[in-house]
Amino acid sequence: MTSNAIALRGVGKRYGDVVAVDGVDLDLAQGRMVGLIGHNGAGKSTLFKLMLGLTPPTTGQILVKGVPIGGRDFRAARRRIGYLPEAFVTYDNLTGLEVLQFFADLKKTPRASCAAVLERVGLGAAAGRRVRGYSKGMRQRLGFAQVLLGEPDLIFLDEPTNGLDPEGIHDFYQILRDVQREGATIVITSHILAEIQERVDDLVIMQGGRVAARGTLAELRGQMVLPSQIRITLRQGEGSRIQSALEQLAGLELKVERDCVHVSCLPGQKVAVLHVLGALADAVRDIAIHEPSLEDLFFGYGGAHGRKP
């Protein structure tokens, strides 16, 4: 057994003169849900293909569950991997159950498990319907069902909630958490950053074929100096009083709008701001604090905003 589900050492991938992945060293811990994000062309899709063994690296080594990709034991290890591509394509003339039975045969998984898996993803009632009559969300659920076949312990999901409504997204992540509790490691790539930021355990930000940053959301906030936003709702006529008090603190950005004051401050200044407001509690109706989101961090590491300490 190894504590890492996947280990990459000096992994690179070139397509002619194009460097898609450039010397990546990365460990993905067993049993974690990891978000892999990056701009278009950052290398995340290529990294996905490399970790799945769909394309060989130009340089470096990749171990999946301690087994080298491309080695003689990798074929057996790959049977324990579930993968949902961004565009899941299937046969429209088959029923949902028949599609899943087809994938069960490919994975050498008993067909008897297919009905229960369809029920788990909310397609039990549609199992006998031909896929041509499925909505986009139902097709996505069917793709997710084939991922779950055989109880994989390593799952790769590329834009997995395409076509799902809010209830479907909630159900999807609930199932993922259940699968994770059963021991699976999950890697997700998504452009919907607000959706994944509170759901994944770890984040990996790709930039220019390299890992620009990795860690939990809290750790990434600590690495990137981005301002916190504080919105103060005031009692009528108290704007000048609050503004004067806050202007005594150096380095704040203040904006006053009628009975609201907007404060932009560095993380280390929040306590001082709240201390000032506590002394003037009779003038304050409400306080809302907005911490940097994953989207803020994403653009920060992309060079559009923020700076490293």
Protein backbone atom coordinates (compact mmCIF):
# COMPACT_ATOMS: atom_id res chain seq x y z
CA MET A 1 0.00 0.00 0.00
CA THR A 2 1.09 3.59 -0.65
CA SER A 3 -0.15 6.84 0.86
CA ASN A 4 -0.28 8.36 -2.62
CA ALA A 5 -2.82 7.29 -5.20
CA ILE A 6 -0.76 8.97 -7.93
CA ALA A 7 2.84 10.17 -7.99
CA LEU A 8 4.40 12.15 -10.85
CA ARG A 9 8.13 12.77 -11.07
CA GLY A 10 9.54 15.15 -13.69
CA VAL A 11 6.66 14.45 -16.05
CA GLY A 12 6.70 16.27 -19.37
CA LYS A 13 4.78 15.97 -22.61
CA ARG A 14 5.72 17.52 -25.94
CA TYR A 15 3.82 17.60 -29.20
CA GLY A 16 6.49 18.65 -31.67
CA ASP A 17 7.65 22.09 -30.58
CA VAL A 18 4.70 22.52 -28.21
CA VAL A 19 5.36 21.79 -24.53
CA ALA A 20 1.98 20.79 -23.07
CA VAL A 21 3.27 19.59 -19.68
CA ASP A 22 6.61 20.76 -18.37
CA GLY A 23 8.45 18.87 -15.59
CA VAL A 24 5.56 18.24 -13.22
CA ASP A 25 6.23 16.78 -9.78
CA LEU A 26 2.97 16.00 -8.01
CA ASP A 27 1.63 13.66 -5.33
CA LEU A 28 -2.11 13.04 -5.01
CA ALA A 29 -2.91 11.55 -1.63
CA GLN A 30 -5.03 8.45 -1.27
CA GLY A 31 -8.68 9.08 -0.42
CA ARG A 32 -8.75 12.80 -1.28
CA MET A 33 -10.97 14.75 -3.68
CA VAL A 34 -8.73 16.95 -5.82
CA GLY A 35 -9.70 19.83 -8.10
CA LEU A 36 -7.40 20.31 -11.11
CA ILE A 37 -7.91 23.76 -12.63
CA GLY A 38 -6.22 26.05 -15.12
CA HIS A 39 -6.74 28.33 -18.09
CA ASN A 40 -7.36 26.79 -21.52
CA GLY A 41 -4.00 25.50 -22.69
CA ALA A 42 -2.58 25.31 -19.15
CA GLY A 43 -1.93 21.56 -19.53
CA LYS A 44 -4.63 20.10 -17.29
CA SER A 45 -6.32 18.02 -20.02
CA THR A 46 -2.97 16.62 -21.12
CA LEU A 47 -2.11 15.83 -17.49
CA PHE A 48 -5.42 13.99 -17.22
CA LYS A 49 -4.56 11.84 -20.24
CA LEU A 50 -1.10 11.14 -18.88
CA MET A 51 -2.41 9.99 -15.48
CA LEU A 52 -4.98 7.79 -17.20
CA GLY A 53 -2.31 6.17 -19.35
CA LEU A 54 -4.04 7.35 -22.55
CA THR A 55 -0.84 9.01 -23.78
CA PRO A 56 2.76 8.29 -22.72
CA PRO A 57 4.92 11.00 -21.15
CA THR A 58 7.84 12.36 -23.12
CA THR A 59 9.87 12.55 -19.91
CA GLY A 60 9.46 11.45 -16.32
CA GLN A 61 7.54 8.71 -14.55
CA ILE A 62 3.97 8.29 -13.33
CA LEU A 63 2.97 5.79 -10.66
CA VAL A 64 -0.70 4.89 -10.15
CA LYS A 65 -1.24 3.02 -6.89
CA GLY A 66 2.50 2.34 -6.92
CA VAL A 67 2.37 0.82 -10.42
CA PRO A 68 4.26 2.50 -13.30
CA ILE A 69 2.01 3.59 -16.16
CA GLY A 70 2.92 1.53 -19.19
CA GLY A 71 4.35 -1.26 -17.03
CA ARG A 72 3.18 -4.86 -17.19
CA ASP A 73 0.98 -4.52 -14.09
CA PHE A 74 -0.79 -1.34 -15.21
CA ARG A 75 -3.49 -3.15 -17.23
CA ALA A 76 -4.81 -4.74 -14.03
CA ALA A 77 -4.56 -1.45 -12.13
CA ARG A 78 -6.49 0.37 -14.85
CA ARG A 79 -9.53 -1.82 -14.24
CA ARG A 80 -9.85 -0.04 -10.88
CA ILE A 81 -9.99 3.39 -12.55
CA GLY A 82 -13.23 5.18 -13.46
CA TYR A 83 -13.19 7.93 -16.08
CA LEU A 84 -15.83 10.37 -17.31
CA PRO A 85 -14.66 12.42 -20.32
CA GLU A 86 -16.02 15.90 -20.95
CA ALA A 87 -18.08 14.61 -23.89
CA PHE A 88 -19.56 11.23 -22.98
CA VAL A 89 -20.63 9.52 -26.22
CA THR A 90 -22.73 6.39 -26.35
CA TYR A 91 -25.11 4.45 -28.61
CA ASP A 92 -28.49 6.15 -28.94
CA ASN A 93 -30.28 3.02 -30.11
CA LEU A 94 -29.48 1.16 -26.86
CA THR A 95 -31.36 1.49 -23.60
CA GLY A 96 -29.65 2.94 -20.54
CA LEU A 97 -29.36 -0.54 -19.06
CA GLU A 98 -27.88 -1.96 -22.26
CA VAL A 99 -25.29 0.83 -22.37
CA LEU A 100 -24.25 0.09 -18.82
CA GLN A 101 -24.11 -3.65 -19.50
CA PHE A 102 -21.81 -2.92 -22.46
CA PHE A 103 -19.41 -1.02 -20.18
CA ALA A 104 -19.72 -3.74 -17.53
CA ASP A 105 -18.49 -6.26 -20.08
CA LEU A 106 -15.55 -4.02 -20.99
CA LYS A 107 -14.62 -3.68 -17.32
CA LYS A 108 -15.21 -7.37 -16.63
CA THR A 109 -17.80 -6.40 -14.02
CA PRO A 110 -20.94 -8.51 -13.43
CA ARG A 111 -23.95 -7.25 -15.37
CA ALA A 112 -26.06 -7.92 -12.30
CA SER A 113 -24.71 -4.72 -10.70
CA CYS A 114 -25.94 -2.43 -13.50
CA ALA A 115 -29.52 -1.93 -12.31
CA ALA A 116 -28.39 -0.87 -8.83
CA VAL A 117 -25.86 1.60 -10.25
CA LEU A 118 -28.53 3.18 -12.49
CA GLU A 119 -30.79 3.48 -9.46
CA ARG A 120 -27.97 5.13 -7.52
CA VAL A 121 -27.56 7.91 -10.12
CA GLY A 122 -31.29 8.49 -10.46
CA LEU A 123 -31.89 6.59 -13.72
CA GLY A 124 -33.66 3.54 -12.33
CA ALA A 125 -37.00 4.50 -13.87
CA ALA A 126 -35.35 5.25 -17.24
CA ALA A 127 -33.25 2.07 -17.45
CA GLY A 128 -35.45 0.58 -20.19
CA ARG A 129 -35.66 3.74 -22.30
CA ARG A 130 -33.48 4.22 -25.37
CA VAL A 131 -30.71 6.76 -24.86
CA ARG A 132 -31.90 8.82 -27.84
CA GLY A 133 -34.74 9.98 -25.61
CA TYR A 134 -32.47 11.02 -22.74
CA SER A 135 -31.92 14.69 -21.89
CA LYS A 136 -28.39 16.07 -21.64
CA GLY A 137 -28.52 15.74 -17.87
CA MET A 138 -29.69 12.13 -18.09
CA ARG A 139 -26.84 11.32 -20.48
CA GLN A 140 -24.41 12.83 -18.00
CA ARG A 141 -25.89 10.70 -15.22
CA LEU A 142 -25.46 7.64 -17.46
CA GLY A 143 -21.82 8.56 -18.01
CA PHE A 144 -21.39 8.87 -14.26
CA ALA A 145 -23.02 5.46 -13.82
CA GLN A 146 -20.38 3.79 -16.02
CA VAL A 147 -17.69 5.46 -13.87
CA LEU A 148 -19.10 3.79 -10.76
CA LEU A 149 -19.15 0.29 -12.25
CA GLY A 150 -16.80 -2.08 -10.49
CA GLU A 151 -16.39 0.17 -7.43
CA PRO A 152 -13.26 1.99 -8.70
CA ASP A 153 -10.76 3.30 -6.16
CA LEU A 154 -9.46 6.03 -8.50
CA ILE A 155 -11.87 8.29 -10.40
CA PHE A 156 -11.17 10.98 -13.02
CA LEU A 157 -13.98 13.39 -13.94
CA ASP A 158 -13.67 15.98 -16.71
CA GLU A 159 -16.35 18.74 -16.43
CA PRO A 160 -18.65 16.20 -14.74
CA THR A 161 -21.72 18.38 -14.07
CA ASN A 162 -22.33 19.54 -17.65
CA GLY A 163 -26.07 19.48 -18.25
CA LEU A 164 -27.04 18.80 -14.64
CA ASP A 165 -29.57 21.00 -12.87
CA PRO A 166 -28.91 22.24 -9.29
CA GLU A 167 -30.59 19.16 -7.77
CA GLY A 168 -28.56 16.89 -10.03
CA ILE A 169 -25.32 18.65 -9.05
CA HIS A 170 -26.18 18.25 -5.37
CA ASP A 171 -26.93 14.54 -5.84
CA PHE A 172 -23.76 14.07 -7.89
CA TYR A 173 -21.48 15.45 -5.18
CA GLN A 174 -23.34 13.53 -2.49
CA ILE A 175 -22.61 10.29 -4.34
CA LEU A 176 -18.99 11.36 -4.80
CA ARG A 177 -18.62 11.93 -1.06
CA ASP A 178 -20.09 8.49 -0.40
CA VAL A 179 -17.66 6.91 -2.86
CA GLN A 180 -14.79 8.84 -1.28
CA ARG A 181 -15.77 7.56 2.17
CA GLU A 182 -15.53 4.08 0.70
CA GLY A 183 -11.86 4.80 -0.05
CA ALA A 184 -11.77 6.25 -3.57
CA THR A 185 -9.46 9.02 -4.72
CA ILE A 186 -11.20 11.51 -7.01
CA VAL A 187 -9.69 14.00 -9.46
CA ILE A 188 -12.01 16.62 -10.99
CA THR A 189 -11.35 19.25 -13.61
CA SER A 190 -13.96 21.98 -14.00
CA HIS A 191 -14.33 25.53 -15.24
CA ILE A 192 -17.14 26.17 -12.73
CA LEU A 193 -14.86 27.25 -9.90
CA ALA A 194 -17.61 28.39 -7.52
CA GLU A 195 -19.09 24.90 -7.72
CA ILE A 196 -15.97 23.01 -6.67
CA GLN A 197 -14.27 25.41 -4.25
CA GLU A 198 -16.09 24.19 -1.13
CA ARG A 199 -16.40 20.60 -2.30
CA VAL A 200 -12.86 19.45 -3.05
CA ASP A 201 -10.24 18.74 -0.39
CA ASP A 202 -7.19 19.86 -2.38
CA LEU A 203 -6.61 22.10 -5.39
CA VAL A 204 -3.95 22.00 -8.09
CA ILE A 205 -3.61 25.10 -10.27
CA MET A 206 -1.91 24.55 -13.64
CA GLN A 207 -0.24 27.36 -15.57
CA GLY A 208 1.93 27.05 -18.66
CA GLY A 209 2.19 23.28 -18.33
CA ARG A 210 3.44 23.50 -14.75
CA VAL A 211 1.91 23.32 -11.29
CA ALA A 212 1.62 26.96 -10.22
CA ALA A 213 0.17 26.13 -6.81
CA ARG A 214 -1.38 23.32 -4.82
CA GLY A 215 -2.99 22.90 -1.42
CA THR A 216 -6.29 23.38 0.34
CA LEU A 217 -8.31 26.52 -0.34
CA ALA A 218 -7.17 27.95 3.02
CA GLU A 219 -3.51 27.20 2.21
CA LEU A 220 -3.78 28.86 -1.21
CA ARG A 221 -5.34 31.94 0.38
CA GLY A 222 -2.34 32.08 2.69
CA GLN A 223 0.11 31.84 -0.21
CA MET A 224 -1.53 34.54 -2.33
CA VAL A 225 -1.87 38.09 -0.97
CA LEU A 226 -5.41 39.03 -1.99
CA PRO A 227 -7.64 41.50 -0.15
CA SER A 228 -10.62 40.59 1.99
CA GLN A 229 -13.78 42.59 1.35
CA ILE A 230 -15.84 43.85 4.30
CA ARG A 231 -19.29 45.34 3.76
CA ILE A 232 -20.58 47.39 6.71
CA THR A 233 -24.25 48.31 6.81
CA LEU A 234 -24.74 51.37 9.02
CA ARG A 235 -27.51 52.99 10.93
CA GLN A 236 -28.80 56.11 9.26
CA GLY A 237 -26.41 59.08 9.32
CA GLU A 238 -23.40 57.19 10.72
CA GLY A 239 -21.32 57.08 7.51
CA SER A 240 -18.99 59.97 8.38
CA ARG A 241 -18.36 58.65 11.88
CA ILE A 242 -17.36 55.18 10.68
CA GLN A 243 -15.32 56.54 7.80
CA SER A 244 -13.33 58.84 10.09
CA ALA A 245 -12.57 55.99 12.48
CA LEU A 246 -11.44 53.61 9.72
CA GLU A 247 -9.28 56.22 8.04
CA GLN A 248 -7.01 56.03 11.11
CA LEU A 249 -5.91 52.58 9.89
CA ALA A 250 -3.24 52.71 7.20
CA GLY A 251 -3.53 50.75 3.97
CA LEU A 252 -7.31 50.36 3.78
CA GLU A 253 -9.37 51.10 0.69
CA LEU A 254 -12.71 52.67 1.64
CA LYS A 255 -15.81 53.34 -0.40
CA VAL A 256 -18.88 54.95 1.17
CA GLU A 257 -22.32 54.51 -0.40
CA ARG A 258 -25.17 56.05 1.58
CA ASP A 259 -25.49 53.82 4.64
CA CYS A 260 -22.85 51.28 3.56
CA VAL A 261 -19.08 51.32 3.83
CA HIS A 262 -17.03 48.93 1.70
CA VAL A 263 -13.57 48.10 3.04
CA SER A 264 -10.82 46.33 1.11
CA CYS A 265 -8.00 45.17 3.36
CA LEU A 266 -5.21 42.64 3.54
CA PRO A 267 -5.95 39.50 5.61
CA GLY A 268 -3.79 40.70 8.51
CA GLN A 269 -5.83 43.90 8.82
CA LYS A 270 -9.23 42.31 9.38
CA VAL A 271 -8.89 42.08 13.16
CA ALA A 272 -7.97 45.77 13.42
CA VAL A 273 -10.98 46.74 11.28
CA LEU A 274 -13.31 44.62 13.40
CA HIS A 275 -11.81 46.10 16.58
CA VAL A 276 -12.65 49.62 15.36
CA LEU A 277 -16.17 48.54 14.42
CA GLY A 278 -16.65 46.85 17.80
CA ALA A 279 -15.96 50.14 19.54
CA LEU A 280 -18.65 51.75 17.37
CA ALA A 281 -21.17 48.93 17.53
CA ASP A 282 -24.06 51.34 18.10
CA ALA A 283 -23.50 52.73 14.59
CA VAL A 284 -23.42 49.33 12.83
CA ARG A 285 -26.39 47.28 11.67
CA ASP A 286 -24.57 44.41 9.95
CA ILE A 287 -21.14 43.22 8.81
CA ALA A 288 -20.44 40.85 5.91
CA ILE A 289 -16.92 39.55 5.17
CA HIS A 290 -16.05 38.14 1.75
CA GLU A 291 -12.85 36.12 1.62
CA PRO A 292 -10.99 35.62 -1.70
CA SER A 293 -12.81 32.97 -3.71
CA LEU A 294 -11.23 30.22 -5.78
CA GLU A 295 -11.93 32.37 -8.83
CA ASP A 296 -9.96 35.23 -7.25
CA LEU A 297 -7.06 32.87 -6.54
CA PHE A 298 -7.26 31.42 -10.04
CA PHE A 299 -6.88 34.83 -11.65
CA GLY A 300 -4.23 35.74 -9.11
CA TYR A 301 -1.98 32.85 -10.08
CA GLY A 302 -2.76 33.57 -13.70
CA GLY A 303 -1.11 36.96 -13.27
CA ALA A 304 -4.26 39.07 -13.61
CA HIS A 305 -4.54 39.96 -9.92
CA GLY A 306 -2.72 39.51 -6.66
CA ARG A 307 0.87 38.96 -5.78
CA LYS A 308 2.78 36.32 -3.90
CA PRO A 309 4.13 37.33 -0.48
